[in-house]
C-alpha atoms as a PDB file:
ATOM      1  CA  MET A   1      -0.060  -0.288   0.112  1.00  0.00           C
ATOM      2  CA  THR A   2       1.021   3.352  -0.705  1.00  0.00           C
ATOM      3  CA  PHE A   3      -0.329   6.551   0.508  1.00  0.00           C
ATOM      4  CA  GLY A   4       0.591  10.421   0.381  1.00  0.00           C
ATOM      5  CA  GLU A   5       2.041  10.863  -2.754  1.00  0.00           C
ATOM      6  CA  GLY A   6       1.376  14.473  -3.709  1.00  0.00           C
ATOM      7  CA  ILE A   7       0.689  15.300  -0.356  1.00  0.00           C
ATOM      8  CA  LEU A   8       3.077  14.470   2.476  1.00  0.00           C
ATOM      9  CA  CYS A   9       6.554  16.402   2.263  1.00  0.00           C
ATOM     10  CA  THR A  10       8.417  15.028   4.877  1.00  0.00           C
ATOM     11  CA  PRO A  11       6.399  11.991   6.612  1.00  0.00           C
ATOM     12  CA  GLU A  12       8.436  11.214  10.327  1.00  0.00           C
ATOM     13  CA  LYS A  13       6.349   9.249  12.062  1.00  0.00           C
ATOM     14  CA  ALA A  14       2.779   7.941  11.791  1.00  0.00           C
ATOM     15  CA  VAL A  15       0.500   6.349  14.310  1.00  0.00           C
ATOM     16  CA  PHE A  16      -2.713   4.008  13.897  1.00  0.00           C
ATOM     17  CA  MET A  17      -5.540   5.017  16.093  1.00  0.00           C
ATOM     18  CA  ASN A  18      -9.317   3.916  15.468  1.00  0.00           C
ATOM     19  CA  GLY A  19      -8.961   3.135  11.796  1.00  0.00           C
ATOM     20  CA  LYS A  20      -6.764   6.246  10.670  1.00  0.00           C
ATOM     21  CA  PHE A  21      -3.289   7.013  10.351  1.00  0.00           C
ATOM     22  CA  TYR A  22      -1.796  10.298  12.044  1.00  0.00           C
ATOM     23  CA  VAL A  23       1.570  11.504   9.788  1.00  0.00           C
ATOM     24  CA  ALA A  24       3.587  14.126  11.335  1.00  0.00           C
ATOM     25  CA  ASP A  25       4.697  15.871   8.118  1.00  0.00           C
ATOM     26  CA  ILE A  26       7.674  18.010   9.328  1.00  0.00           C
ATOM     27  CA  ASP A  27       7.672  20.393   6.608  1.00  0.00           C
ATOM     28  CA  HIS A  28       3.995  20.973   6.121  1.00  0.00           C
ATOM     29  CA  GLY A  29       4.284  21.524  10.207  1.00  0.00           C
ATOM     30  CA  CYS A  30       1.158  19.634  10.584  1.00  0.00           C
ATOM     31  CA  VAL A  31      -0.445  16.290  11.248  1.00  0.00           C
ATOM     32  CA  MET A  32      -2.083  15.045   8.166  1.00  0.00           C
ATOM     33  CA  VAL A  33      -4.950  12.608   8.073  1.00  0.00           C
ATOM     34  CA  PHE A  34      -5.448   9.378   5.992  1.00  0.00           C
ATOM     35  CA  ASP A  35      -7.870   6.537   6.642  1.00  0.00           C
ATOM     36  CA  LYS A  36      -6.860   2.491   6.611  1.00  0.00           C
ATOM     37  CA  ASN A  37      -6.815   2.235   2.981  1.00  0.00           C
ATOM     38  CA  GLY A  38      -4.466   5.594   2.357  1.00  0.00           C
ATOM     39  CA  ASN A  39      -7.066   8.072   1.286  1.00  0.00           C
ATOM     40  CA  PHE A  40      -6.355  11.372   2.424  1.00  0.00           C
ATOM     41  CA  LEU A  41      -9.221  12.994   5.167  1.00  0.00           C
ATOM     42  CA  GLU A  42      -7.797  15.909   6.401  1.00  0.00           C
ATOM     43  CA  ARG A  43      -4.872  17.947   7.603  1.00  0.00           C
ATOM     44  CA  MET A  44      -4.917  19.021  10.692  1.00  0.00           C
ATOM     45  CA  ASP A  45      -3.187  22.482  11.610  1.00  0.00           C
ATOM     46  CA  SER A  46      -2.136  24.207  14.642  1.00  0.00           C
ATOM     47  CA  ASN A  47      -0.861  28.047  14.387  1.00  0.00           C
ATOM     48  CA  LEU A  48       0.504  27.084  17.995  1.00  0.00           C
ATOM     49  CA  LEU A  49       3.099  24.323  16.463  1.00  0.00           C
ATOM     50  CA  ASN A  50       6.635  26.372  15.458  1.00  0.00           C
ATOM     51  CA  ILE A  51       8.756  23.218  14.303  1.00  0.00           C
ATOM     52  CA  LEU A  52       6.507  20.015  15.009  1.00  0.00           C
ATOM     53  CA  SER A  53       9.090  17.149  15.148  1.00  0.00           C
ATOM     54  CA  SER A  54       6.941  13.880  16.123  1.00  0.00           C
ATOM     55  CA  ILE A  55       3.885  12.259  17.097  1.00  0.00           C
ATOM     56  CA  ALA A  56       2.556   9.648  19.486  1.00  0.00           C
ATOM     57  CA  ALA A  57      -0.952   8.143  20.620  1.00  0.00           C
ATOM     58  CA  ASP A  58      -2.392   7.990  23.725  1.00  0.00           C
ATOM     59  CA  TYR A  59      -4.613   4.539  22.807  1.00  0.00           C
ATOM     60  CA  ALA A  60      -6.188   4.533  26.323  1.00  0.00           C
ATOM     61  CA  ASN A  61      -7.608   7.687  25.669  1.00  0.00           C
ATOM     62  CA  GLY A  62      -7.923   8.686  22.601  1.00  0.00           C
ATOM     63  CA  TYR A  63      -5.335  11.602  22.545  1.00  0.00           C
ATOM     64  CA  LEU A  64      -3.089  12.393  20.205  1.00  0.00           C
ATOM     65  CA  LEU A  65       0.231  13.900  21.716  1.00  0.00           C
ATOM     66  CA  VAL A  66       2.235  16.173  19.206  1.00  0.00           C
ATOM     67  CA  SER A  67       5.959  17.720  20.116  1.00  0.00           C
ATOM     68  CA  ASP A  68       7.009  20.813  18.746  1.00  0.00           C
ATOM     69  CA  ARG A  69      10.916  21.472  18.666  1.00  0.00           C
ATOM     70  CA  GLY A  70      10.351  24.897  18.201  1.00  0.00           C
ATOM     71  CA  ASN A  71       8.655  25.422  21.614  1.00  0.00           C
ATOM     72  CA  PRO A  72       9.992  22.821  23.504  1.00  0.00           C
ATOM     73  CA  GLU A  73       6.147  21.517  24.529  1.00  0.00           C
ATOM     74  CA  ILE A  74       3.713  18.504  23.860  1.00  0.00           C
ATOM     75  CA  GLN A  75       0.947  19.053  22.597  1.00  0.00           C
ATOM     76  CA  ILE A  76      -1.949  17.336  23.121  1.00  0.00           C
ATOM     77  CA  TYR A  77      -4.755  16.919  20.643  1.00  0.00           C
ATOM     78  CA  SER A  78      -8.621  15.019  20.223  1.00  0.00           C
ATOM     79  CA  GLN A  79      -8.668  12.561  17.264  1.00  0.00           C
ATOM     80  CA  ASP A  80     -10.536  14.975  16.026  1.00  0.00           C
ATOM     81  CA  GLY A  81      -7.685  17.971  15.898  1.00  0.00           C
ATOM     82  CA  GLN A  82      -8.964  20.108  18.984  1.00  0.00           C
ATOM     83  CA  LEU A  83      -5.928  21.072  20.950  1.00  0.00           C
ATOM     84  CA  LEU A  84      -7.066  20.153  24.560  1.00  0.00           C
ATOM     85  CA  THR A  85      -3.943  21.212  26.026  1.00  0.00           C
ATOM     86  CA  SER A  86      -0.328  21.993  25.663  1.00  0.00           C
ATOM     87  CA  LEU A  87       2.797  21.240  27.986  1.00  0.00           C
ATOM     88  CA  LYS A  88       5.899  23.156  28.170  1.00  0.00           C
ATOM     89  CA  ALA A  89       9.242  21.216  29.139  1.00  0.00           C
ATOM     90  CA  ASP A  90      10.324  23.336  31.846  1.00  0.00           C
ATOM     91  CA  CYS A  91       7.140  22.293  33.868  1.00  0.00           C
ATOM     92  CA  PHE A  92       6.321  18.891  31.982  1.00  0.00           C
ATOM     93  CA  TYR A  93       6.054  16.557  34.717  1.00  0.00           C
ATOM     94  CA  GLN A  94       4.085  19.165  36.811  1.00  0.00           C
ATOM     95  CA  LYS A  95       1.800  19.599  34.685  1.00  0.00           C
ATOM     96  CA  LEU A  96       1.507  16.044  33.718  1.00  0.00           C
ATOM     97  CA  GLN A  97       0.643  15.471  37.328  1.00  0.00           C
ATOM     98  CA  GLU A  98      -1.979  18.155  37.289  1.00  0.00           C
ATOM     99  CA  SER A  99      -3.523  16.685  33.940  1.00  0.00           C
ATOM    100  CA  THR A 100      -4.201  13.728  35.414  1.00  0.00           C
ATOM    101  CA  ASN A 101      -7.930  13.852  34.534  1.00  0.00           C
ATOM    102  CA  LEU A 102      -6.788  14.225  30.629  1.00  0.00           C
ATOM    103  CA  LEU A 103      -3.853  11.780  30.288  1.00  0.00           C
END
């Protein structure tokens, strides 16, 4: 299977959750979403991302975690692209403990 031709520029990492591929595309600075057959569904943009670097999935809660190398933080999104919160690296562990109802 191939997908993303003509859409993806620099795919760095992908996660698969609930029948969708979420691909961190570094040069586009966003997460591209594809169905399980590789068909493009949407582009999840965030004006808050500076330098997108990776993506991970919280399968237990259904969240997407996106790391930003330019703003040392991790942004947490719902699967429909809504920004739920962001955790700055300088106080990451403290915020993680305070946000236990989210993670």
